[in-house]
Amino acid sequence: MLHQTLIVAGVALLVPLALGPVWEPVALVAVTIAGCWLLTDGLIRRIGWLRPLFGLKRKPEAEPAVVLTPPASASASSTPRPPAPGWRSPSPRA
């Protein structure tokens, strides 16, 4: 939806310049890519109510900060635990 609008606007701006059969399409592609990037990254992603209109999920709410606490004892967390009774490895090498 966005690129179509930018192509039509780009053609309207570039036709009066008469750039020729090589440079006009190149300029149109450049205008379309730059316009899509600028509008998507600079405007659409930042305004919450515009996001769903362009197929993006609503802006996520600010998540609370995660507080990392160290384990109770470093030696207990580094010791491997034995497997549960009756457990078999799915690997044929085990």
PDB file of N, CA and C in Angstrom:
ATOM      1  N   MET A   1       0.827  -1.176   0.000  1.00  0.00           N
ATOM      2  CA  MET A   1       0.000   0.000   0.000  1.00  0.00           C
ATOM      3  C   MET A   1       0.879   1.251   0.000  1.00  0.00           C
ATOM      4  N   LEU A   2       1.907   1.260   0.797  1.00  0.00           N
ATOM      5  CA  LEU A   2       2.772   2.428   0.898  1.00  0.00           C
ATOM      6  C   LEU A   2       3.601   2.624  -0.370  1.00  0.00           C
ATOM      7  N   HIS A   3       4.138   1.536  -0.903  1.00  0.00           N
ATOM      8  CA  HIS A   3       5.004   1.682  -2.076  1.00  0.00           C
ATOM      9  C   HIS A   3       4.215   2.147  -3.309  1.00  0.00           C
ATOM     10  N   GLN A   4       2.967   1.732  -3.423  1.00  0.00           N
ATOM     11  CA  GLN A   4       2.163   2.179  -4.570  1.00  0.00           C
ATOM     12  C   GLN A   4       1.970   3.698  -4.535  1.00  0.00           C
ATOM     13  N   THR A   5       1.673   4.219  -3.369  1.00  0.00           N
ATOM     14  CA  THR A   5       1.488   5.657  -3.223  1.00  0.00           C
ATOM     15  C   THR A   5       2.778   6.400  -3.543  1.00  0.00           C
ATOM     16  N   LEU A   6       3.898   5.861  -3.083  1.00  0.00           N
ATOM     17  CA  LEU A   6       5.183   6.508  -3.336  1.00  0.00           C
ATOM     18  C   LEU A   6       5.573   6.427  -4.810  1.00  0.00           C
ATOM     19  N   ILE A   7       5.222   5.354  -5.486  1.00  0.00           N
ATOM     20  CA  ILE A   7       5.517   5.250  -6.924  1.00  0.00           C
ATOM     21  C   ILE A   7       4.725   6.300  -7.695  1.00  0.00           C
ATOM     22  N   VAL A   8       3.444   6.430  -7.394  1.00  0.00           N
ATOM     23  CA  VAL A   8       2.614   7.417  -8.097  1.00  0.00           C
ATOM     24  C   VAL A   8       3.120   8.833  -7.816  1.00  0.00           C
ATOM     25  N   ALA A   9       3.434   9.130  -6.554  1.00  0.00           N
ATOM     26  CA  ALA A   9       3.952  10.459  -6.214  1.00  0.00           C
ATOM     27  C   ALA A   9       5.318  10.684  -6.852  1.00  0.00           C
ATOM     28  N   GLY A  10       6.152   9.644  -6.879  1.00  0.00           N
ATOM     29  CA  GLY A  10       7.472   9.763  -7.494  1.00  0.00           C
ATOM     30  C   GLY A  10       7.394  10.023  -8.983  1.00  0.00           C
ATOM     31  N   VAL A  11       6.487   9.353  -9.663  1.00  0.00           N
ATOM     32  CA  VAL A  11       6.308   9.581 -11.105  1.00  0.00           C
ATOM     33  C   VAL A  11       5.849  11.012 -11.354  1.00  0.00           C
ATOM     34  N   ALA A  12       4.924  11.486 -10.544  1.00  0.00           N
ATOM     35  CA  ALA A  12       4.439  12.858 -10.714  1.00  0.00           C
ATOM     36  C   ALA A  12       5.560  13.872 -10.520  1.00  0.00           C
ATOM     37  N   LEU A  13       6.505  13.572  -9.631  1.00  0.00           N
ATOM     38  CA  LEU A  13       7.630  14.484  -9.393  1.00  0.00           C
ATOM     39  C   LEU A  13       8.729  14.359 -10.447  1.00  0.00           C
ATOM     40  N   LEU A  14       8.932  13.152 -10.977  1.00  0.00           N
ATOM     41  CA  LEU A  14      10.060  12.916 -11.881  1.00  0.00           C
ATOM     42  C   LEU A  14       9.751  13.178 -13.357  1.00  0.00           C
ATOM     43  N   VAL A  15       8.511  13.052 -13.782  1.00  0.00           N
ATOM     44  CA  VAL A  15       8.172  13.241 -15.201  1.00  0.00           C
ATOM     45  C   VAL A  15       8.571  14.630 -15.698  1.00  0.00           C
ATOM     46  N   PRO A  16       8.288  15.708 -14.973  1.00  0.00           N
ATOM     47  CA  PRO A  16       8.680  17.034 -15.485  1.00  0.00           C
ATOM     48  C   PRO A  16      10.196  17.205 -15.638  1.00  0.00           C
ATOM     49  N   LEU A  17      10.983  16.393 -14.934  1.00  0.00           N
ATOM     50  CA  LEU A  17      12.439  16.518 -15.030  1.00  0.00           C
ATOM     51  C   LEU A  17      12.992  15.911 -16.312  1.00  0.00           C
ATOM     52  N   ALA A  18      12.237  15.033 -16.960  1.00  0.00           N
ATOM     53  CA  ALA A  18      12.630  14.378 -18.219  1.00  0.00           C
ATOM     54  C   ALA A  18      14.047  13.811 -18.127  1.00  0.00           C
ATOM     55  N   LEU A  19      14.227  12.866 -17.211  1.00  0.00           N
ATOM     56  CA  LEU A  19      15.546  12.279 -16.973  1.00  0.00           C
ATOM     57  C   LEU A  19      15.939  11.237 -18.018  1.00  0.00           C
ATOM     58  N   GLY A  20      15.010  10.751 -18.763  1.00  0.00           N
ATOM     59  CA  GLY A  20      15.327   9.772 -19.802  1.00  0.00           C
ATOM     60  C   GLY A  20      14.941   8.368 -19.396  1.00  0.00           C
ATOM     61  N   PRO A  21      15.087   7.418 -20.350  1.00  0.00           N
ATOM     62  CA  PRO A  21      14.626   6.048 -20.120  1.00  0.00           C
ATOM     63  C   PRO A  21      15.512   5.238 -19.172  1.00  0.00           C
ATOM     64  N   VAL A  22      16.683   5.733 -18.820  1.00  0.00           N
ATOM     65  CA  VAL A  22      17.545   5.000 -17.892  1.00  0.00           C
ATOM     66  C   VAL A  22      17.471   5.604 -16.497  1.00  0.00           C
ATOM     67  N   TRP A  23      17.652   6.906 -16.405  1.00  0.00           N
ATOM     68  CA  TRP A  23      17.759   7.544 -15.094  1.00  0.00           C
ATOM     69  C   TRP A  23      16.409   7.737 -14.405  1.00  0.00           C
ATOM     70  N   GLU A  24      15.346   7.864 -15.158  1.00  0.00           N
ATOM     71  CA  GLU A  24      14.038   8.038 -14.520  1.00  0.00           C
ATOM     72  C   GLU A  24      13.612   6.792 -13.739  1.00  0.00           C
ATOM     73  N   PRO A  25      13.713   5.582 -14.317  1.00  0.00           N
ATOM     74  CA  PRO A  25      13.372   4.394 -13.512  1.00  0.00           C
ATOM     75  C   PRO A  25      14.314   4.200 -12.322  1.00  0.00           C
ATOM     76  N   VAL A  26      15.596   4.495 -12.519  1.00  0.00           N
ATOM     77  CA  VAL A  26      16.551   4.359 -11.411  1.00  0.00           C
ATOM     78  C   VAL A  26      16.172   5.318 -10.286  1.00  0.00           C
ATOM     79  N   ALA A  27      15.850   6.559 -10.638  1.00  0.00           N
ATOM     80  CA  ALA A  27      15.455   7.545  -9.638  1.00  0.00           C
ATOM     81  C   ALA A  27      14.134   7.151  -8.972  1.00  0.00           C
ATOM     82  N   LEU A  28      13.211   6.585  -9.743  1.00  0.00           N
ATOM     83  CA  LEU A  28      11.927   6.165  -9.180  1.00  0.00           C
ATOM     84  C   LEU A  28      12.109   5.038  -8.169  1.00  0.00           C
ATOM     85  N   VAL A  29      12.960   4.079  -8.494  1.00  0.00           N
ATOM     86  CA  VAL A  29      13.235   2.992  -7.553  1.00  0.00           C
ATOM     87  C   VAL A  29      13.895   3.546  -6.289  1.00  0.00           C
ATOM     88  N   ALA A  30      14.841   4.465  -6.446  1.00  0.00           N
ATOM     89  CA  ALA A  30      15.518   5.057  -5.290  1.00  0.00           C
ATOM     90  C   ALA A  30      14.536   5.844  -4.420  1.00  0.00           C
ATOM     91  N   VAL A  31      13.653   6.620  -5.055  1.00  0.00           N
ATOM     92  CA  VAL A  31      12.657   7.388  -4.302  1.00  0.00           C
ATOM     93  C   VAL A  31      11.710   6.445  -3.561  1.00  0.00           C
ATOM     94  N   THR A  32      11.310   5.367  -4.212  1.00  0.00           N
ATOM     95  CA  THR A  32      10.387   4.415  -3.595  1.00  0.00           C
ATOM     96  C   THR A  32      11.028   3.719  -2.402  1.00  0.00           C
ATOM     97  N   ILE A  33      12.252   3.233  -2.563  1.00  0.00           N
ATOM     98  CA  ILE A  33      12.930   2.535  -1.463  1.00  0.00           C
ATOM     99  C   ILE A  33      13.192   3.485  -0.300  1.00  0.00           C
ATOM    100  N   ALA A  34      13.721   4.669  -0.601  1.00  0.00           N
ATOM    101  CA  ALA A  34      14.011   5.635   0.465  1.00  0.00           C
ATOM    102  C   ALA A  34      12.729   6.084   1.165  1.00  0.00           C
ATOM    103  N   GLY A  35      11.681   6.337   0.408  1.00  0.00           N
ATOM    104  CA  GLY A  35      10.425   6.765   1.008  1.00  0.00           C
ATOM    105  C   GLY A  35       9.796   5.695   1.878  1.00  0.00           C
ATOM    106  N   CYS A  36       9.813   4.455   1.403  1.00  0.00           N
ATOM    107  CA  CYS A  36       9.269   3.352   2.212  1.00  0.00           C
ATOM    108  C   CYS A  36      10.047   3.205   3.507  1.00  0.00           C
ATOM    109  N   TRP A  37      11.357   3.242   3.410  1.00  0.00           N
ATOM    110  CA  TRP A  37      12.187   3.085   4.608  1.00  0.00           C
ATOM    111  C   TRP A  37      11.955   4.240   5.583  1.00  0.00           C
ATOM    112  N   LEU A  38      11.991   5.472   5.078  1.00  0.00           N
ATOM    113  CA  LEU A  38      11.829   6.629   5.954  1.00  0.00           C
ATOM    114  C   LEU A  38      10.450   6.656   6.615  1.00  0.00           C
ATOM    115  N   LEU A  39       9.411   6.409   5.842  1.00  0.00           N
ATOM    116  CA  LEU A  39       8.071   6.447   6.414  1.00  0.00           C
ATOM    117  C   LEU A  39       7.822   5.291   7.383  1.00  0.00           C
ATOM    118  N   THR A  40       8.297   4.099   7.035  1.00  0.00           N
ATOM    119  CA  THR A  40       8.078   2.953   7.911  1.00  0.00           C
ATOM    120  C   THR A  40       8.867   3.091   9.203  1.00  0.00           C
ATOM    121  N   ASP A  41      10.149   3.373   9.078  1.00  0.00           N
ATOM    122  CA  ASP A  41      10.991   3.422  10.274  1.00  0.00           C
ATOM    123  C   ASP A  41      10.787   4.711  11.061  1.00  0.00           C
ATOM    124  N   GLY A  42      10.571   5.813  10.386  1.00  0.00           N
ATOM    125  CA  GLY A  42      10.489   7.079  11.078  1.00  0.00           C
ATOM    126  C   GLY A  42       9.112   7.448  11.576  1.00  0.00           C
ATOM    127  N   LEU A  43       8.071   6.913  10.970  1.00  0.00           N
ATOM    128  CA  LEU A  43       6.729   7.352  11.325  1.00  0.00           C
ATOM    129  C   LEU A  43       5.822   6.201  11.749  1.00  0.00           C
ATOM    130  N   ILE A  44       5.667   5.219  10.891  1.00  0.00           N
ATOM    131  CA  ILE A  44       4.671   4.169  11.121  1.00  0.00           C
ATOM    132  C   ILE A  44       5.001   3.323  12.347  1.00  0.00           C
ATOM    133  N   ARG A  45       6.260   2.954  12.530  1.00  0.00           N
ATOM    134  CA  ARG A  45       6.630   2.121  13.682  1.00  0.00           C
ATOM    135  C   ARG A  45       6.533   2.875  15.003  1.00  0.00           C
ATOM    136  N   ARG A  46       6.598   4.186  14.963  1.00  0.00           N
ATOM    137  CA  ARG A  46       6.609   4.988  16.191  1.00  0.00           C
ATOM    138  C   ARG A  46       5.224   5.445  16.641  1.00  0.00           C
ATOM    139  N   ILE A  47       4.256   5.439  15.762  1.00  0.00           N
ATOM    140  CA  ILE A  47       2.908   5.886  16.105  1.00  0.00           C
ATOM    141  C   ILE A  47       2.024   4.653  16.252  1.00  0.00           C
ATOM    142  N   GLY A  48       1.558   4.436  17.478  1.00  0.00           N
ATOM    143  CA  GLY A  48       0.852   3.204  17.826  1.00  0.00           C
ATOM    144  C   GLY A  48      -0.369   2.912  16.991  1.00  0.00           C
ATOM    145  N   TRP A  49      -1.197   3.913  16.703  1.00  0.00           N
ATOM    146  CA  TRP A  49      -2.437   3.631  15.987  1.00  0.00           C
ATOM    147  C   TRP A  49      -2.203   3.410  14.502  1.00  0.00           C
ATOM    148  N   LEU A  50      -1.044   3.797  13.969  1.00  0.00           N
ATOM    149  CA  LEU A  50      -0.741   3.533  12.558  1.00  0.00           C
ATOM    150  C   LEU A  50      -0.243   2.107  12.329  1.00  0.00           C
ATOM    151  N   ARG A  51       0.342   1.501  13.344  1.00  0.00           N
ATOM    152  CA  ARG A  51       0.951   0.174  13.187  1.00  0.00           C
ATOM    153  C   ARG A  51      -0.011  -0.874  12.630  1.00  0.00           C
ATOM    154  N   PRO A  52      -1.213  -1.058  13.193  1.00  0.00           N
ATOM    155  CA  PRO A  52      -2.124  -2.084  12.648  1.00  0.00           C
ATOM    156  C   PRO A  52      -2.572  -1.784  11.218  1.00  0.00           C
ATOM    157  N   LEU A  53      -2.610  -0.520  10.829  1.00  0.00           N
ATOM    158  CA  LEU A  53      -3.025  -0.172   9.483  1.00  0.00           C
ATOM    159  C   LEU A  53      -2.018  -0.631   8.432  1.00  0.00           C
ATOM    160  N   PHE A  54      -0.782  -0.873   8.852  1.00  0.00           N
ATOM    161  CA  PHE A  54       0.259  -1.325   7.937  1.00  0.00           C
ATOM    162  C   PHE A  54       0.712  -2.748   8.246  1.00  0.00           C
ATOM    163  N   GLY A  55      -0.099  -3.507   8.973  1.00  0.00           N
ATOM    164  CA  GLY A  55       0.176  -4.917   9.206  1.00  0.00           C
ATOM    165  C   GLY A  55       1.157  -5.196  10.324  1.00  0.00           C
ATOM    166  N   LEU A  56       1.432  -4.227  11.173  1.00  0.00           N
ATOM    167  CA  LEU A  56       2.337  -4.445  12.301  1.00  0.00           C
ATOM    168  C   LEU A  56       1.522  -4.664  13.571  1.00  0.00           C
ATOM    169  N   LYS A  57       2.101  -5.380  14.519  1.00  0.00           N
ATOM    170  CA  LYS A  57       1.432  -5.577  15.802  1.00  0.00           C
ATOM    171  C   LYS A  57       1.429  -4.267  16.563  1.00  0.00           C
ATOM    172  N   ARG A  58       0.464  -4.154  17.475  1.00  0.00           N
ATOM    173  CA  ARG A  58       0.409  -2.942  18.299  1.00  0.00           C
ATOM    174  C   ARG A  58       1.710  -2.768  19.053  1.00  0.00           C
ATOM    175  N   LYS A  59       2.032  -1.549  19.372  1.00  0.00           N
ATOM    176  CA  LYS A  59       3.278  -1.259  20.079  1.00  0.00           C
ATOM    177  C   LYS A  59       3.243  -1.956  21.440  1.00  0.00           C
ATOM    178  N   PRO A  60       4.278  -2.753  21.751  1.00  0.00           N
ATOM    179  CA  PRO A  60       4.269  -3.462  23.027  1.00  0.00           C
ATOM    180  C   PRO A  60       4.375  -2.484  24.195  1.00  0.00           C
ATOM    181  N   GLU A  61       3.690  -2.825  25.271  1.00  0.00           N
ATOM    182  CA  GLU A  61       3.763  -2.008  26.485  1.00  0.00           C
ATOM    183  C   GLU A  61       5.150  -2.146  27.084  1.00  0.00           C
ATOM    184  N   ALA A  62       5.546  -1.165  27.843  1.00  0.00           N
ATOM    185  CA  ALA A  62       6.859  -1.218  28.498  1.00  0.00           C
ATOM    186  C   ALA A  62       6.865  -2.361  29.501  1.00  0.00           C
ATOM    187  N   GLU A  63       7.818  -3.244  29.356  1.00  0.00           N
ATOM    188  CA  GLU A  63       7.906  -4.385  30.253  1.00  0.00           C
ATOM    189  C   GLU A  63       8.682  -3.993  31.497  1.00  0.00           C
ATOM    190  N   PRO A  64       8.326  -4.570  32.648  1.00  0.00           N
ATOM    191  CA  PRO A  64       9.075  -4.257  33.860  1.00  0.00           C
ATOM    192  C   PRO A  64      10.503  -4.777  33.758  1.00  0.00           C
ATOM    193  N   ALA A  65      11.377  -4.102  34.435  1.00  0.00           N
ATOM    194  CA  ALA A  65      12.781  -4.501  34.410  1.00  0.00           C
ATOM    195  C   ALA A  65      12.947  -5.867  35.058  1.00  0.00           C
ATOM    196  N   VAL A  66      13.782  -6.686  34.486  1.00  0.00           N
ATOM    197  CA  VAL A  66      14.049  -8.014  35.011  1.00  0.00           C
ATOM    198  C   VAL A  66      15.197  -7.904  36.005  1.00  0.00           C
ATOM    199  N   VAL A  67      14.960  -8.422  37.191  1.00  0.00           N
ATOM    200  CA  VAL A  67      15.995  -8.396  38.220  1.00  0.00           C
ATOM    201  C   VAL A  67      16.596  -9.789  38.282  1.00  0.00           C
ATOM    202  N   LEU A  68      17.882  -9.869  37.991  1.00  0.00           N
ATOM    203  CA  LEU A  68      18.567 -11.154  38.041  1.00  0.00           C
ATOM    204  C   LEU A  68      19.203 -11.327  39.415  1.00  0.00           C
ATOM    205  N   THR A  69      18.880 -12.447  40.045  1.00  0.00           N
ATOM    206  CA  THR A  69      19.475 -12.725  41.345  1.00  0.00           C
ATOM    207  C   THR A  69      20.437 -13.882  41.197  1.00  0.00           C
ATOM    208  N   PRO A  70      21.569 -13.821  41.875  1.00  0.00           N
ATOM    209  CA  PRO A  70      22.527 -14.913  41.786  1.00  0.00           C
ATOM    210  C   PRO A  70      21.965 -16.160  42.459  1.00  0.00           C
ATOM    211  N   PRO A  71      22.407 -17.344  42.045  1.00  0.00           N
ATOM    212  CA  PRO A  71      21.937 -18.577  42.691  1.00  0.00           C
ATOM    213  C   PRO A  71      22.369 -18.610  44.155  1.00  0.00           C
ATOM    214  N   ALA A  72      21.642 -19.420  44.947  1.00  0.00           N
ATOM    215  CA  ALA A  72      21.910 -19.493  46.376  1.00  0.00           C
ATOM    216  C   ALA A  72      23.358 -19.897  46.648  1.00  0.00           C
ATOM    217  N   SER A  73      23.822 -20.897  45.935  1.00  0.00           N
ATOM    218  CA  SER A  73      25.230 -21.278  46.084  1.00  0.00           C
ATOM    219  C   SER A  73      25.762 -21.637  44.705  1.00  0.00           C
ATOM    220  N   ALA A  74      26.921 -21.122  44.399  1.00  0.00           N
ATOM    221  CA  ALA A  74      27.499 -21.354  43.071  1.00  0.00           C
ATOM    222  C   ALA A  74      27.866 -22.812  42.878  1.00  0.00           C
ATOM    223  N   SER A  75      28.266 -23.502  43.927  1.00  0.00           N
ATOM    224  CA  SER A  75      28.682 -24.901  43.783  1.00  0.00           C
ATOM    225  C   SER A  75      27.492 -25.802  43.488  1.00  0.00           C
ATOM    226  N   ALA A  76      26.320 -25.490  44.048  1.00  0.00           N
ATOM    227  CA  ALA A  76      25.139 -26.325  43.813  1.00  0.00           C
ATOM    228  C   ALA A  76      24.664 -26.211  42.372  1.00  0.00           C
ATOM    229  N   SER A  77      24.776 -25.021  41.776  1.00  0.00           N
ATOM    230  CA  SER A  77      24.281 -24.857  40.422  1.00  0.00           C
ATOM    231  C   SER A  77      25.251 -25.422  39.393  1.00  0.00           C
ATOM    232  N   SER A  78      26.531 -25.559  39.742  1.00  0.00           N
ATOM    233  CA  SER A  78      27.494 -26.074  38.778  1.00  0.00           C
ATOM    234  C   SER A  78      27.607 -27.595  38.816  1.00  0.00           C
ATOM    235  N   THR A  79      27.042 -28.238  39.832  1.00  0.00           N
ATOM    236  CA  THR A  79      27.100 -29.699  39.936  1.00  0.00           C
ATOM    237  C   THR A  79      25.987 -30.294  39.083  1.00  0.00           C
ATOM    238  N   PRO A  80      26.325 -31.188  38.138  1.00  0.00           N
ATOM    239  CA  PRO A  80      25.266 -31.787  37.309  1.00  0.00           C
ATOM    240  C   PRO A  80      24.397 -32.724  38.141  1.00  0.00           C
ATOM    241  N   ARG A  81      23.117 -32.737  37.820  1.00  0.00           N
ATOM    242  CA  ARG A  81      22.196 -33.609  38.524  1.00  0.00           C
ATOM    243  C   ARG A  81      22.060 -34.917  37.769  1.00  0.00           C
ATOM    244  N   PRO A  82      21.876 -36.014  38.458  1.00  0.00           N
ATOM    245  CA  PRO A  82      21.696 -37.300  37.775  1.00  0.00           C
ATOM    246  C   PRO A  82      20.324 -37.346  37.104  1.00  0.00           C
ATOM    247  N   PRO A  83      20.186 -38.137  36.039  1.00  0.00           N
ATOM    248  CA  PRO A  83      18.885 -38.241  35.377  1.00  0.00           C
ATOM    249  C   PRO A  83      17.881 -38.963  36.272  1.00  0.00           C
ATOM    250  N   ALA A  84      16.617 -38.765  35.957  1.00  0.00           N
ATOM    251  CA  ALA A  84      15.550 -39.421  36.712  1.00  0.00           C
ATOM    252  C   ALA A  84      15.628 -40.926  36.493  1.00  0.00           C
ATOM    253  N   PRO A  85      15.188 -41.716  37.461  1.00  0.00           N
ATOM    254  CA  PRO A  85      15.222 -43.185  37.306  1.00  0.00           C
ATOM    255  C   PRO A  85      14.404 -43.624  36.091  1.00  0.00           C
ATOM    256  N   GLY A  86      14.945 -44.525  35.317  1.00  0.00           N
ATOM    257  CA  GLY A  86      14.278 -45.058  34.147  1.00  0.00           C
ATOM    258  C   GLY A  86      14.452 -44.206  32.899  1.00  0.00           C
ATOM    259  N   TRP A  87      15.194 -43.124  32.991  1.00  0.00           N
ATOM    260  CA  TRP A  87      15.395 -42.243  31.841  1.00  0.00           C
ATOM    261  C   TRP A  87      16.419 -42.842  30.904  1.00  0.00           C
ATOM    262  N   ARG A  88      16.121 -42.820  29.602  1.00  0.00           N
ATOM    263  CA  ARG A  88      17.071 -43.315  28.605  1.00  0.00           C
ATOM    264  C   ARG A  88      17.345 -42.209  27.603  1.00  0.00           C
ATOM    265  N   SER A  89      18.570 -42.103  27.182  1.00  0.00           N
ATOM    266  CA  SER A  89      18.948 -41.092  26.209  1.00  0.00           C
ATOM    267  C   SER A  89      18.371 -41.449  24.849  1.00  0.00           C
ATOM    268  N   PRO A  90      17.862 -40.458  24.104  1.00  0.00           N
ATOM    269  CA  PRO A  90      17.370 -40.740  22.758  1.00  0.00           C
ATOM    270  C   PRO A  90      18.491 -40.937  21.749  1.00  0.00           C
ATOM    271  N   SER A  91      19.719 -40.666  22.166  1.00  0.00           N
ATOM    272  CA  SER A  91      20.859 -40.796  21.256  1.00  0.00           C
ATOM    273  C   SER A  91      21.275 -42.249  21.126  1.00  0.00           C
ATOM    274  N   PRO A  92      21.574 -42.728  19.910  1.00  0.00           N
ATOM    275  CA  PRO A  92      22.005 -44.119  19.744  1.00  0.00           C
ATOM    276  C   PRO A  92      23.426 -44.331  20.285  1.00  0.00           C
ATOM    277  N   ARG A  93      24.171 -43.263  20.496  1.00  0.00           N
ATOM    278  CA  ARG A  93      25.539 -43.400  21.004  1.00  0.00           C
ATOM    279  C   ARG A  93      25.590 -43.551  22.512  1.00  0.00           C
ATOM    280  N   ALA A  94      24.504 -43.268  23.204  1.00  0.00           N
ATOM    281  CA  ALA A  94      24.542 -43.289  24.675  1.00  0.00           C
ATOM    282  C   ALA A  94      24.355 -44.680  25.200  1.00  0.00           C
TER     283      ALA A  94
END
